[in-house]
Amino acid sequence: MMSAVRCLVRAMACGFLVVGSSEAQAQNNYENLKVLPADISRRELGDIMLANLSGLGLPRLAGEGCLFCHEGDLETPRREWDYASDAKPMKAKARVMLAMVRAINDEYLPQLESRVDADLRVTCETCHAGRTDPRPLPTVLWAAYEAGGMDSAETKYRVLRDRYFGGDAYDFRVAVLVGVAVRMANQGAIDDAIALAALNAEVYPDEPSSQRAWVQLRLERTVDAEGIGPALRELDELESGLRPDVLSPGLLNNLGWRLRRSDREDQAVALFEANYERFPDDYLPIESMAFIWSDSDRPERAFEILEEWLQKHPDHDRARQLLVNLRGR
């Protein structure tokens, strides 16, 4: 009788091999081989299985990770597990994934005329990066949100962040939750968007952009419900509790463009003008106002504000180029 270790290593191949001769399968005691060669060596097979476990972030201890695809349980000796069984759907997926990886490495990558690293090969790690679900974080969070609402999305984020933060598995940069929050707002779930932005500000208290997104969504809600004046008064009330770098020209500027894309021209113009009053020495409000005026019935106003800016900043190439472009329309 082969040892338990040898039995495990051989049995782990059952779901993953290209069909070889029946003689080779009988010789190696493999069953139900469908993707890798049936006469694969024990070392090669072990390396592949360990790479699969690592790529998907599955535990090696006691063979626990093997149960992701294979039939068995931790209460039963591994030599008694039914490795040949196709009962678990994940096994069929693994076969397809391994065949896909082989095709990419053997058929598609060699077709590239120029490669920085000709020996570089795609592996499970390439897409999975140490997690079983290869979907990016925004997709995972949105699925949780659709299934169980904001509480479900927040719980999913906290669980994933606790487990994976600092690794390559997920993109936890500050802009990721902002993007999901904006998607919620675009679908009319502004309260949920604000809640998610608040979570982002909680986990990134030193990132101005996280707090800025939360403020912007709050102002958007107030604009929708009460108008521009109340929104600007709310901003004044919030200001004392915000970091100074949160109240940058980009805050009202971004909200103004969101309003304009929603065909709320008057509200957008009012915000751009308020932004200019707050930051008269910053170019961003000037640029937005120039675009707005150039599309109105008073395009000369766009030229005036850009010329005024260039008188103060004659070396500002961006403003000069914008003036040339607008005049050439």
C-alpha atoms as a PDB file:
ATOM      1  CA  MET A   1       0.000   0.000   0.000  1.00  0.00           C
ATOM      2  CA  MET A   2       1.392   3.404  -0.932  1.00  0.00           C
ATOM      3  CA  SER A   3       1.923   5.911   1.859  1.00  0.00           C
ATOM      4  CA  ALA A   4      -0.764   8.453   2.695  1.00  0.00           C
ATOM      5  CA  VAL A   5       1.380  11.275   1.312  1.00  0.00           C
ATOM      6  CA  ARG A   6       1.973   9.481  -1.983  1.00  0.00           C
ATOM      7  CA  CYS A   7      -1.716   8.645  -2.206  1.00  0.00           C
ATOM      8  CA  LEU A   8      -2.662  12.275  -1.639  1.00  0.00           C
ATOM      9  CA  VAL A   9      -0.279  13.677  -4.229  1.00  0.00           C
ATOM     10  CA  ARG A  10      -1.418  11.223  -6.868  1.00  0.00           C
ATOM     11  CA  ALA A  11      -5.066  11.516  -6.036  1.00  0.00           C
ATOM     12  CA  MET A  12      -4.950  15.315  -6.217  1.00  0.00           C
ATOM     13  CA  ALA A  13      -4.332  14.996  -9.942  1.00  0.00           C
ATOM     14  CA  CYS A  14      -7.630  13.307 -10.595  1.00  0.00           C
ATOM     15  CA  GLY A  15      -9.451  16.379 -11.795  1.00  0.00           C
ATOM     16  CA  PHE A  16      -6.679  18.091 -13.702  1.00  0.00           C
ATOM     17  CA  LEU A  17      -5.016  16.059 -16.461  1.00  0.00           C
ATOM     18  CA  VAL A  18      -5.039  15.907 -20.395  1.00  0.00           C
ATOM     19  CA  VAL A  19      -6.348  12.473 -21.303  1.00  0.00           C
ATOM     20  CA  GLY A  20      -3.393  10.142 -21.765  1.00  0.00           C
ATOM     21  CA  SER A  21      -3.262   6.463 -22.569  1.00  0.00           C
ATOM     22  CA  SER A  22      -5.263   4.084 -20.417  1.00  0.00           C
ATOM     23  CA  GLU A  23      -1.995   2.228 -19.787  1.00  0.00           C
ATOM     24  CA  ALA A  24      -0.387   5.330 -18.282  1.00  0.00           C
ATOM     25  CA  GLN A  25      -3.424   5.981 -16.118  1.00  0.00           C
ATOM     26  CA  ALA A  26      -3.412   2.417 -14.848  1.00  0.00           C
ATOM     27  CA  GLN A  27       0.315   2.547 -14.145  1.00  0.00           C
ATOM     28  CA  ASN A  28       0.000   5.712 -12.041  1.00  0.00           C
ATOM     29  CA  ASN A  29      -3.279   4.683 -10.385  1.00  0.00           C
ATOM     30  CA  TYR A  30      -4.890   7.923 -11.588  1.00  0.00           C
ATOM     31  CA  GLU A  31      -8.604   8.010 -12.351  1.00  0.00           C
ATOM     32  CA  ASN A  32     -10.791  10.425 -14.298  1.00  0.00           C
ATOM     33  CA  LEU A  33      -7.856  12.361 -15.787  1.00  0.00           C
ATOM     34  CA  LYS A  34      -8.859  15.133 -18.159  1.00  0.00           C
ATOM     35  CA  VAL A  35      -6.426  18.008 -18.351  1.00  0.00           C
ATOM     36  CA  LEU A  36      -2.699  17.342 -17.580  1.00  0.00           C
ATOM     37  CA  PRO A  37      -0.750  14.380 -19.048  1.00  0.00           C
ATOM     38  CA  ALA A  38      -1.576  11.122 -17.301  1.00  0.00           C
ATOM     39  CA  ASP A  39       2.091  10.186 -17.034  1.00  0.00           C
ATOM     40  CA  ILE A  40       2.996  13.397 -15.194  1.00  0.00           C
ATOM     41  CA  SER A  41       5.682  12.953 -12.541  1.00  0.00           C
ATOM     42  CA  ARG A  42       4.889  13.165  -8.857  1.00  0.00           C
ATOM     43  CA  ARG A  43       7.102  16.253  -8.529  1.00  0.00           C
ATOM     44  CA  GLU A  44       5.384  18.059 -11.419  1.00  0.00           C
ATOM     45  CA  LEU A  45       1.966  17.163 -10.102  1.00  0.00           C
ATOM     46  CA  GLY A  46       2.816  18.295  -6.599  1.00  0.00           C
ATOM     47  CA  ASP A  47       4.180  21.603  -7.874  1.00  0.00           C
ATOM     48  CA  ILE A  48       1.012  22.238  -9.891  1.00  0.00           C
ATOM     49  CA  MET A  49      -1.320  21.431  -7.015  1.00  0.00           C
ATOM     50  CA  LEU A  50       0.650  23.588  -4.584  1.00  0.00           C
ATOM     51  CA  ALA A  51       0.670  26.438  -7.119  1.00  0.00           C
ATOM     52  CA  ASN A  52      -3.118  26.114  -7.420  1.00  0.00           C
ATOM     53  CA  LEU A  53      -3.527  26.313  -3.655  1.00  0.00           C
ATOM     54  CA  SER A  54      -1.247  29.354  -3.447  1.00  0.00           C
ATOM     55  CA  GLY A  55      -2.821  31.132  -6.403  1.00  0.00           C
ATOM     56  CA  LEU A  56      -6.301  30.816  -4.890  1.00  0.00           C
ATOM     57  CA  GLY A  57      -5.175  31.525  -1.331  1.00  0.00           C
ATOM     58  CA  LEU A  58      -6.309  28.102  -0.109  1.00  0.00           C
ATOM     59  CA  PRO A  59      -4.773  26.569   3.052  1.00  0.00           C
ATOM     60  CA  ARG A  60      -2.351  23.660   2.723  1.00  0.00           C
ATOM     61  CA  LEU A  61      -2.600  22.433   6.306  1.00  0.00           C
ATOM     62  CA  ALA A  62      -4.285  19.016   6.619  1.00  0.00           C
ATOM     63  CA  GLY A  63      -5.294  19.166   2.968  1.00  0.00           C
ATOM     64  CA  GLU A  64      -8.076  21.639   3.776  1.00  0.00           C
ATOM     65  CA  GLY A  65      -7.561  23.581   0.551  1.00  0.00           C
ATOM     66  CA  CYS A  66      -7.891  20.392  -1.510  1.00  0.00           C
ATOM     67  CA  LEU A  67     -11.536  20.171  -0.407  1.00  0.00           C
ATOM     68  CA  PHE A  68     -12.304  23.235  -2.510  1.00  0.00           C
ATOM     69  CA  CYS A  69     -12.440  20.888  -5.515  1.00  0.00           C
ATOM     70  CA  HIS A  70     -12.252  17.345  -4.138  1.00  0.00           C
ATOM     71  CA  GLU A  71     -14.676  15.153  -2.181  1.00  0.00           C
ATOM     72  CA  GLY A  72     -13.774  14.419   1.419  1.00  0.00           C
ATOM     73  CA  ASP A  73     -13.798  15.926   4.882  1.00  0.00           C
ATOM     74  CA  LEU A  74     -11.296  16.735   7.599  1.00  0.00           C
ATOM     75  CA  GLU A  75     -12.731  14.023   9.846  1.00  0.00           C
ATOM     76  CA  THR A  76     -11.785  11.316   7.336  1.00  0.00           C
ATOM     77  CA  PRO A  77      -8.211  10.209   6.505  1.00  0.00           C
ATOM     78  CA  ARG A  78      -7.155  11.764   3.225  1.00  0.00           C
ATOM     79  CA  ARG A  79      -6.314   8.401   1.695  1.00  0.00           C
ATOM     80  CA  GLU A  80     -10.040   7.641   1.883  1.00  0.00           C
ATOM     81  CA  TRP A  81     -11.179  10.790   0.084  1.00  0.00           C
ATOM     82  CA  ASP A  82     -12.900  10.324  -3.283  1.00  0.00           C
ATOM     83  CA  TYR A  83     -10.521  12.380  -5.424  1.00  0.00           C
ATOM     84  CA  ALA A  84     -11.944  10.961  -8.647  1.00  0.00           C
ATOM     85  CA  SER A  85     -15.444  12.255  -7.928  1.00  0.00           C
ATOM     86  CA  ASP A  86     -16.828  15.066 -10.067  1.00  0.00           C
ATOM     87  CA  ALA A  87     -19.509  15.926  -7.509  1.00  0.00           C
ATOM     88  CA  LYS A  88     -18.161  19.404  -6.787  1.00  0.00           C
ATOM     89  CA  PRO A  89     -18.847  21.941  -9.574  1.00  0.00           C
ATOM     90  CA  MET A  90     -15.608  23.737  -8.680  1.00  0.00           C
ATOM     91  CA  LYS A  91     -13.664  20.792 -10.067  1.00  0.00           C
ATOM     92  CA  ALA A  92     -15.144  21.282 -13.525  1.00  0.00           C
ATOM     93  CA  LYS A  93     -14.338  24.986 -13.327  1.00  0.00           C
ATOM     94  CA  ALA A  94     -10.763  24.177 -12.346  1.00  0.00           C
ATOM     95  CA  ARG A  95     -10.378  21.974 -15.415  1.00  0.00           C
ATOM     96  CA  VAL A  96     -11.576  24.763 -17.685  1.00  0.00           C
ATOM     97  CA  MET A  97      -9.306  27.295 -15.990  1.00  0.00           C
ATOM     98  CA  LEU A  98      -6.222  25.071 -16.295  1.00  0.00           C
ATOM     99  CA  ALA A  99      -6.964  24.404 -19.956  1.00  0.00           C
ATOM    100  CA  MET A 100      -7.376  28.153 -20.495  1.00  0.00           C
ATOM    101  CA  VAL A 101      -4.051  28.907 -18.801  1.00  0.00           C
ATOM    102  CA  ARG A 102      -2.300  26.292 -20.922  1.00  0.00           C
ATOM    103  CA  ALA A 103      -3.777  27.754 -24.113  1.00  0.00           C
ATOM    104  CA  ILE A 104      -2.693  31.273 -23.158  1.00  0.00           C
ATOM    105  CA  ASN A 105       0.860  30.170 -22.404  1.00  0.00           C
ATOM    106  CA  ASP A 106       1.340  27.725 -25.263  1.00  0.00           C
ATOM    107  CA  GLU A 107      -0.761  29.238 -28.066  1.00  0.00           C
ATOM    108  CA  TYR A 108      -1.371  32.949 -27.534  1.00  0.00           C
ATOM    109  CA  LEU A 109       1.649  34.411 -25.747  1.00  0.00           C
ATOM    110  CA  PRO A 110       4.099  32.935 -28.304  1.00  0.00           C
ATOM    111  CA  GLN A 111       2.261  34.895 -31.005  1.00  0.00           C
ATOM    112  CA  LEU A 112       3.383  38.213 -29.523  1.00  0.00           C
ATOM    113  CA  GLU A 113       6.173  39.610 -31.664  1.00  0.00           C
ATOM    114  CA  SER A 114       7.839  41.484 -28.841  1.00  0.00           C
ATOM    115  CA  ARG A 115       7.753  40.560 -25.147  1.00  0.00           C
ATOM    116  CA  VAL A 116       9.579  42.234 -22.289  1.00  0.00           C
ATOM    117  CA  ASP A 117       9.969  38.862 -20.597  1.00  0.00           C
ATOM    118  CA  ALA A 118       9.726  35.969 -23.035  1.00  0.00           C
ATOM    119  CA  ASP A 119       9.721  33.427 -20.202  1.00  0.00           C
ATOM    120  CA  LEU A 120       6.820  35.004 -18.333  1.00  0.00           C
ATOM    121  CA  ARG A 121       3.846  32.657 -18.052  1.00  0.00           C
ATOM    122  CA  VAL A 122       0.265  33.125 -16.870  1.00  0.00           C
ATOM    123  CA  THR A 123      -0.654  31.223 -13.699  1.00  0.00           C
ATOM    124  CA  CYS A 124      -3.634  30.998 -11.360  1.00  0.00           C
ATOM    125  CA  GLU A 125      -1.980  33.802  -9.382  1.00  0.00           C
ATOM    126  CA  THR A 126      -2.226  36.145 -12.372  1.00  0.00           C
ATOM    127  CA  CYS A 127      -5.985  36.603 -12.000  1.00  0.00           C
ATOM    128  CA  HIS A 128      -6.809  35.169  -8.584  1.00  0.00           C
ATOM    129  CA  ALA A 129      -3.952  36.870  -6.709  1.00  0.00           C
ATOM    130  CA  GLY A 130      -4.493  34.709  -3.662  1.00  0.00           C
ATOM    131  CA  ARG A 131      -8.296  34.608  -3.583  1.00  0.00           C
ATOM    132  CA  THR A 132     -10.852  32.112  -4.852  1.00  0.00           C
ATOM    133  CA  ASP A 133     -13.097  34.785  -6.363  1.00  0.00           C
ATOM    134  CA  PRO A 134     -11.151  36.619  -9.097  1.00  0.00           C
ATOM    135  CA  ARG A 135     -13.692  39.421  -9.505  1.00  0.00           C
ATOM    136  CA  PRO A 136     -12.398  42.911  -8.668  1.00  0.00           C
ATOM    137  CA  LEU A 137     -13.503  44.570  -5.446  1.00  0.00           C
ATOM    138  CA  PRO A 138     -16.150  46.915  -6.954  1.00  0.00           C
ATOM    139  CA  THR A 139     -17.872  43.951  -8.622  1.00  0.00           C
ATOM    140  CA  VAL A 140     -17.826  41.902  -5.419  1.00  0.00           C
ATOM    141  CA  LEU A 141     -19.202  44.796  -3.380  1.00  0.00           C
ATOM    142  CA  TRP A 142     -21.924  45.544  -5.900  1.00  0.00           C
ATOM    143  CA  ALA A 143     -23.040  41.922  -5.900  1.00  0.00           C
ATOM    144  CA  ALA A 144     -23.234  42.036  -2.093  1.00  0.00           C
ATOM    145  CA  TYR A 145     -25.172  45.297  -2.291  1.00  0.00           C
ATOM    146  CA  GLU A 146     -27.710  43.923  -4.747  1.00  0.00           C
ATOM    147  CA  ALA A 147     -28.140  40.798  -2.643  1.00  0.00           C
ATOM    148  CA  GLY A 148     -28.459  42.379   0.781  1.00  0.00           C
ATOM    149  CA  GLY A 149     -28.331  46.141   0.619  1.00  0.00           C
ATOM    150  CA  MET A 150     -25.880  48.554   2.201  1.00  0.00           C
ATOM    151  CA  ASP A 151     -25.330  46.474   5.345  1.00  0.00           C
ATOM    152  CA  SER A 152     -24.273  43.512   3.222  1.00  0.00           C
ATOM    153  CA  ALA A 153     -21.899  45.633   1.132  1.00  0.00           C
ATOM    154  CA  GLU A 154     -20.294  47.170   4.216  1.00  0.00           C
ATOM    155  CA  THR A 155     -19.877  43.782   5.897  1.00  0.00           C
ATOM    156  CA  LYS A 156     -18.306  42.329   2.750  1.00  0.00           C
ATOM    157  CA  TYR A 157     -15.869  45.239   2.520  1.00  0.00           C
ATOM    158  CA  ARG A 158     -14.806  44.994   6.144  1.00  0.00           C
ATOM    159  CA  VAL A 159     -14.313  41.227   5.940  1.00  0.00           C
ATOM    160  CA  LEU A 160     -12.245  41.444   2.764  1.00  0.00           C
ATOM    161  CA  ARG A 161     -10.225  44.371   4.078  1.00  0.00           C
ATOM    162  CA  ASP A 162      -9.442  42.570   7.342  1.00  0.00           C
ATOM    163  CA  ARG A 163      -8.239  39.513   5.455  1.00  0.00           C
ATOM    164  CA  TYR A 164      -6.549  40.909   2.360  1.00  0.00           C
ATOM    165  CA  PHE A 165      -5.447  44.495   3.011  1.00  0.00           C
ATOM    166  CA  GLY A 166      -1.757  44.947   2.246  1.00  0.00           C
ATOM    167  CA  GLY A 167      -1.670  42.147  -0.325  1.00  0.00           C
ATOM    168  CA  ASP A 168      -2.294  41.928  -4.045  1.00  0.00           C
ATOM    169  CA  ALA A 169      -5.727  40.319  -3.861  1.00  0.00           C
ATOM    170  CA  TYR A 170      -7.896  43.450  -3.989  1.00  0.00           C
ATOM    171  CA  ASP A 171      -7.484  47.106  -4.815  1.00  0.00           C
ATOM    172  CA  PHE A 172      -8.200  48.901  -1.547  1.00  0.00           C
ATOM    173  CA  ARG A 173      -7.175  52.348  -2.722  1.00  0.00           C
ATOM    174  CA  VAL A 174      -9.381  55.215  -1.616  1.00  0.00           C
ATOM    175  CA  ALA A 175     -10.929  55.774  -5.060  1.00  0.00           C
ATOM    176  CA  VAL A 176     -12.480  52.291  -5.214  1.00  0.00           C
ATOM    177  CA  LEU A 177     -15.269  52.906  -2.699  1.00  0.00           C
ATOM    178  CA  VAL A 178     -15.809  56.348  -4.195  1.00  0.00           C
ATOM    179  CA  GLY A 179     -16.536  54.723  -7.547  1.00  0.00           C
ATOM    180  CA  VAL A 180     -19.039  52.300  -6.015  1.00  0.00           C
ATOM    181  CA  ALA A 181     -20.701  55.143  -4.081  1.00  0.00           C
ATOM    182  CA  VAL A 182     -21.062  57.222  -7.248  1.00  0.00           C
ATOM    183  CA  ARG A 183     -22.657  54.227  -8.965  1.00  0.00           C
ATOM    184  CA  MET A 184     -25.181  54.016  -6.127  1.00  0.00           C
ATOM    185  CA  ALA A 185     -25.906  57.727  -6.453  1.00  0.00           C
ATOM    186  CA  ASN A 186     -26.378  57.405 -10.212  1.00  0.00           C
ATOM    187  CA  GLN A 187     -29.021  54.765  -9.580  1.00  0.00           C
ATOM    188  CA  GLY A 188     -30.888  56.979  -7.140  1.00  0.00           C
ATOM    189  CA  ALA A 189     -29.626  55.389  -3.909  1.00  0.00           C
ATOM    190  CA  ILE A 190     -28.073  58.596  -2.596  1.00  0.00           C
ATOM    191  CA  ASP A 191     -28.419  57.696   1.095  1.00  0.00           C
ATOM    192  CA  ASP A 192     -26.576  54.415   0.536  1.00  0.00           C
ATOM    193  CA  ALA A 193     -23.956  56.271  -1.488  1.00  0.00           C
ATOM    194  CA  ILE A 194     -23.393  58.668   1.412  1.00  0.00           C
ATOM    195  CA  ALA A 195     -23.152  55.758   3.863  1.00  0.00           C
ATOM    196  CA  LEU A 196     -20.509  54.041   1.734  1.00  0.00           C
ATOM    197  CA  ALA A 197     -18.583  57.294   1.343  1.00  0.00           C
ATOM    198  CA  ALA A 198     -18.705  57.676   5.138  1.00  0.00           C
ATOM    199  CA  LEU A 199     -17.199  54.196   5.478  1.00  0.00           C
ATOM    200  CA  ASN A 200     -14.433  55.234   3.108  1.00  0.00           C
ATOM    201  CA  ALA A 201     -13.753  58.348   5.163  1.00  0.00           C
ATOM    202  CA  GLU A 202     -13.613  56.169   8.277  1.00  0.00           C
ATOM    203  CA  VAL A 203     -10.981  53.789   6.922  1.00  0.00           C
ATOM    204  CA  TYR A 204      -9.029  56.597   5.212  1.00  0.00           C
ATOM    205  CA  PRO A 205      -9.242  59.482   7.708  1.00  0.00           C
ATOM    206  CA  ASP A 206      -6.034  61.055   6.397  1.00  0.00           C
ATOM    207  CA  GLU A 207      -7.055  61.015   2.729  1.00  0.00           C
ATOM    208  CA  PRO A 208      -8.741  64.315   1.728  1.00  0.00           C
ATOM    209  CA  SER A 209     -10.397  62.681  -1.274  1.00  0.00           C
ATOM    210  CA  SER A 210     -12.345  60.258   0.905  1.00  0.00           C
ATOM    211  CA  GLN A 211     -13.912  63.028   2.987  1.00  0.00           C
ATOM    212  CA  ARG A 212     -14.370  65.150  -0.121  1.00  0.00           C
ATOM    213  CA  ALA A 213     -16.466  62.435  -1.777  1.00  0.00           C
ATOM    214  CA  TRP A 214     -18.653  62.176   1.330  1.00  0.00           C
ATOM    215  CA  VAL A 215     -19.232  65.946   1.381  1.00  0.00           C
ATOM    216  CA  GLN A 216     -19.939  66.056  -2.347  1.00  0.00           C
ATOM    217  CA  LEU A 217     -22.593  63.352  -2.103  1.00  0.00           C
ATOM    218  CA  ARG A 218     -24.210  65.096   0.844  1.00  0.00           C
ATOM    219  CA  LEU A 219     -24.361  68.342  -1.105  1.00  0.00           C
ATOM    220  CA  GLU A 220     -25.798  66.517  -4.093  1.00  0.00           C
ATOM    221  CA  ARG A 221     -28.589  65.159  -1.922  1.00  0.00           C
ATOM    222  CA  THR A 222     -29.340  68.639  -0.607  1.00  0.00           C
ATOM    223  CA  VAL A 223     -29.282  70.173  -4.096  1.00  0.00           C
ATOM    224  CA  ASP A 224     -31.799  67.574  -5.264  1.00  0.00           C
ATOM    225  CA  ALA A 225     -34.084  68.114  -2.288  1.00  0.00           C
ATOM    226  CA  GLU A 226     -33.764  71.844  -1.602  1.00  0.00           C
ATOM    227  CA  GLY A 227     -31.622  73.590  -4.205  1.00  0.00           C
ATOM    228  CA  ILE A 228     -28.234  75.300  -4.502  1.00  0.00           C
ATOM    229  CA  GLY A 229     -28.611  77.836  -1.670  1.00  0.00           C
ATOM    230  CA  PRO A 230     -29.290  75.273   1.077  1.00  0.00           C
ATOM    231  CA  ALA A 231     -26.473  73.084  -0.268  1.00  0.00           C
ATOM    232  CA  LEU A 232     -23.963  75.930   0.004  1.00  0.00           C
ATOM    233  CA  ARG A 233     -25.182  76.718   3.524  1.00  0.00           C
ATOM    234  CA  GLU A 234     -24.715  73.060   4.438  1.00  0.00           C
ATOM    235  CA  LEU A 235     -21.156  73.267   3.137  1.00  0.00           C
ATOM    236  CA  ASP A 236     -20.531  76.252   5.405  1.00  0.00           C
ATOM    237  CA  GLU A 237     -21.861  74.275   8.368  1.00  0.00           C
ATOM    238  CA  LEU A 238     -19.689  71.264   7.565  1.00  0.00           C
ATOM    239  CA  GLU A 239     -16.552  73.300   6.982  1.00  0.00           C
ATOM    240  CA  SER A 240     -15.477  73.571  10.621  1.00  0.00           C
ATOM    241  CA  GLY A 241     -15.350  69.779  10.970  1.00  0.00           C
ATOM    242  CA  LEU A 242     -13.373  69.161   7.791  1.00  0.00           C
ATOM    243  CA  ARG A 243      -9.676  69.104   7.062  1.00  0.00           C
ATOM    244  CA  PRO A 244      -8.629  72.312   5.256  1.00  0.00           C
ATOM    245  CA  ASP A 245      -7.470  70.366   2.205  1.00  0.00           C
ATOM    246  CA  VAL A 246     -10.907  68.773   1.783  1.00  0.00           C
ATOM    247  CA  LEU A 247     -12.450  72.051   0.643  1.00  0.00           C
ATOM    248  CA  SER A 248     -10.492  72.250  -2.573  1.00  0.00           C
ATOM    249  CA  PRO A 249     -11.847  73.731  -5.829  1.00  0.00           C
ATOM    250  CA  GLY A 250     -12.459  70.202  -7.063  1.00  0.00           C
ATOM    251  CA  LEU A 251     -15.322  69.590  -4.639  1.00  0.00           C
ATOM    252  CA  LEU A 252     -17.916  72.000  -6.072  1.00  0.00           C
ATOM    253  CA  ASN A 253     -16.394  71.666  -9.530  1.00  0.00           C
ATOM    254  CA  ASN A 254     -17.083  67.919  -9.643  1.00  0.00           C
ATOM    255  CA  LEU A 255     -20.613  68.399  -8.363  1.00  0.00           C
ATOM    256  CA  GLY A 256     -21.203  71.142 -10.918  1.00  0.00           C
ATOM    257  CA  TRP A 257     -20.256  68.853 -13.793  1.00  0.00           C
ATOM    258  CA  ARG A 258     -22.446  66.062 -12.417  1.00  0.00           C
ATOM    259  CA  LEU A 259     -25.371  68.497 -12.433  1.00  0.00           C
ATOM    260  CA  ARG A 260     -24.595  69.626 -15.956  1.00  0.00           C
ATOM    261  CA  ARG A 261     -24.430  66.044 -17.228  1.00  0.00           C
ATOM    262  CA  SER A 262     -27.912  65.646 -15.728  1.00  0.00           C
ATOM    263  CA  ASP A 263     -29.138  68.622 -17.824  1.00  0.00           C
ATOM    264  CA  ARG A 264     -29.439  70.878 -14.775  1.00  0.00           C
ATOM    265  CA  GLU A 265     -27.635  73.768 -16.409  1.00  0.00           C
ATOM    266  CA  ASP A 266     -28.811  76.579 -14.116  1.00  0.00           C
ATOM    267  CA  GLN A 267     -27.774  74.716 -10.972  1.00  0.00           C
ATOM    268  CA  ALA A 268     -24.425  73.803 -12.514  1.00  0.00           C
ATOM    269  CA  VAL A 269     -23.695  77.419 -13.431  1.00  0.00           C
ATOM    270  CA  ALA A 270     -24.645  78.554  -9.924  1.00  0.00           C
ATOM    271  CA  LEU A 271     -22.187  76.068  -8.411  1.00  0.00           C
ATOM    272  CA  PHE A 272     -19.385  77.025 -10.797  1.00  0.00           C
ATOM    273  CA  GLU A 273     -19.904  80.693  -9.920  1.00  0.00           C
ATOM    274  CA  ALA A 274     -19.945  79.902  -6.185  1.00  0.00           C
ATOM    275  CA  ASN A 275     -16.758  77.918  -6.652  1.00  0.00           C
ATOM    276  CA  TYR A 276     -15.117  80.870  -8.376  1.00  0.00           C
ATOM    277  CA  GLU A 277     -16.115  83.159  -5.524  1.00  0.00           C
ATOM    278  CA  ARG A 278     -14.522  80.781  -3.036  1.00  0.00           C
ATOM    279  CA  PHE A 279     -11.332  80.192  -5.060  1.00  0.00           C
ATOM    280  CA  PRO A 280     -10.757  83.260  -7.275  1.00  0.00           C
ATOM    281  CA  ASP A 281      -7.032  82.564  -7.487  1.00  0.00           C
ATOM    282  CA  ASP A 282      -7.334  78.958  -8.643  1.00  0.00           C
ATOM    283  CA  TYR A 283      -7.484  78.042 -12.318  1.00  0.00           C
ATOM    284  CA  LEU A 284      -9.943  75.130 -12.070  1.00  0.00           C
ATOM    285  CA  PRO A 285     -13.073  77.284 -11.441  1.00  0.00           C
ATOM    286  CA  ILE A 286     -11.950  79.588 -14.286  1.00  0.00           C
ATOM    287  CA  GLU A 287     -11.632  76.703 -16.701  1.00  0.00           C
ATOM    288  CA  SER A 288     -15.065  75.286 -15.895  1.00  0.00           C
ATOM    289  CA  MET A 289     -16.729  78.682 -16.171  1.00  0.00           C
ATOM    290  CA  ALA A 290     -15.031  79.244 -19.533  1.00  0.00           C
ATOM    291  CA  PHE A 291     -16.423  75.972 -20.878  1.00  0.00           C
ATOM    292  CA  ILE A 292     -19.889  76.815 -19.582  1.00  0.00           C
ATOM    293  CA  TRP A 293     -19.925  80.332 -21.016  1.00  0.00           C
ATOM    294  CA  SER A 294     -18.544  79.183 -24.371  1.00  0.00           C
ATOM    295  CA  ASP A 295     -21.586  76.921 -24.784  1.00  0.00           C
ATOM    296  CA  SER A 296     -24.030  79.666 -23.806  1.00  0.00           C
ATOM    297  CA  ASP A 297     -25.437  82.613 -25.704  1.00  0.00           C
ATOM    298  CA  ARG A 298     -22.599  84.765 -24.309  1.00  0.00           C
ATOM    299  CA  PRO A 299     -19.381  83.076 -25.470  1.00  0.00           C
ATOM    300  CA  GLU A 300     -17.531  86.377 -25.214  1.00  0.00           C
ATOM    301  CA  ARG A 301     -17.716  86.033 -21.427  1.00  0.00           C
ATOM    302  CA  ALA A 302     -15.559  82.896 -21.681  1.00  0.00           C
ATOM    303  CA  PHE A 303     -12.920  84.864 -23.581  1.00  0.00           C
ATOM    304  CA  GLU A 304     -13.036  87.669 -21.025  1.00  0.00           C
ATOM    305  CA  ILE A 305     -12.431  85.495 -17.966  1.00  0.00           C
ATOM    306  CA  LEU A 306      -9.587  83.614 -19.678  1.00  0.00           C
ATOM    307  CA  GLU A 307      -7.971  86.873 -20.820  1.00  0.00           C
ATOM    308  CA  GLU A 308      -8.279  88.265 -17.307  1.00  0.00           C
ATOM    309  CA  TRP A 309      -6.595  85.141 -15.957  1.00  0.00           C
ATOM    310  CA  LEU A 310      -3.789  85.362 -18.521  1.00  0.00           C
ATOM    311  CA  GLN A 311      -3.126  88.967 -17.611  1.00  0.00           C
ATOM    312  CA  LYS A 312      -2.378  87.749 -14.087  1.00  0.00           C
ATOM    313  CA  HIS A 313      -0.670  84.531 -15.221  1.00  0.00           C
ATOM    314  CA  PRO A 314       0.867  85.178 -18.650  1.00  0.00           C
ATOM    315  CA  ASP A 315       2.845  81.930 -18.625  1.00  0.00           C
ATOM    316  CA  HIS A 316      -0.154  79.703 -18.014  1.00  0.00           C
ATOM    317  CA  ASP A 317      -0.031  77.489 -21.123  1.00  0.00           C
ATOM    318  CA  ARG A 318      -3.177  75.534 -20.303  1.00  0.00           C
ATOM    319  CA  ALA A 319      -5.315  78.671 -20.138  1.00  0.00           C
ATOM    320  CA  ARG A 320      -3.754  80.056 -23.301  1.00  0.00           C
ATOM    321  CA  GLN A 321      -4.436  76.833 -25.203  1.00  0.00           C
ATOM    322  CA  LEU A 322      -8.031  76.743 -23.973  1.00  0.00           C
ATOM    323  CA  LEU A 323      -8.565  80.320 -25.165  1.00  0.00           C
ATOM    324  CA  VAL A 324      -7.195  79.419 -28.609  1.00  0.00           C
ATOM    325  CA  ASN A 325      -9.443  76.332 -28.784  1.00  0.00           C
ATOM    326  CA  LEU A 326     -12.587  78.178 -27.746  1.00  0.00           C
ATOM    327  CA  ARG A 327     -11.983  80.984 -30.212  1.00  0.00           C
ATOM    328  CA  GLY A 328     -11.499  78.457 -32.965  1.00  0.00           C
ATOM    329  CA  ARG A 329     -14.862  76.817 -32.476  1.00  0.00           C
END
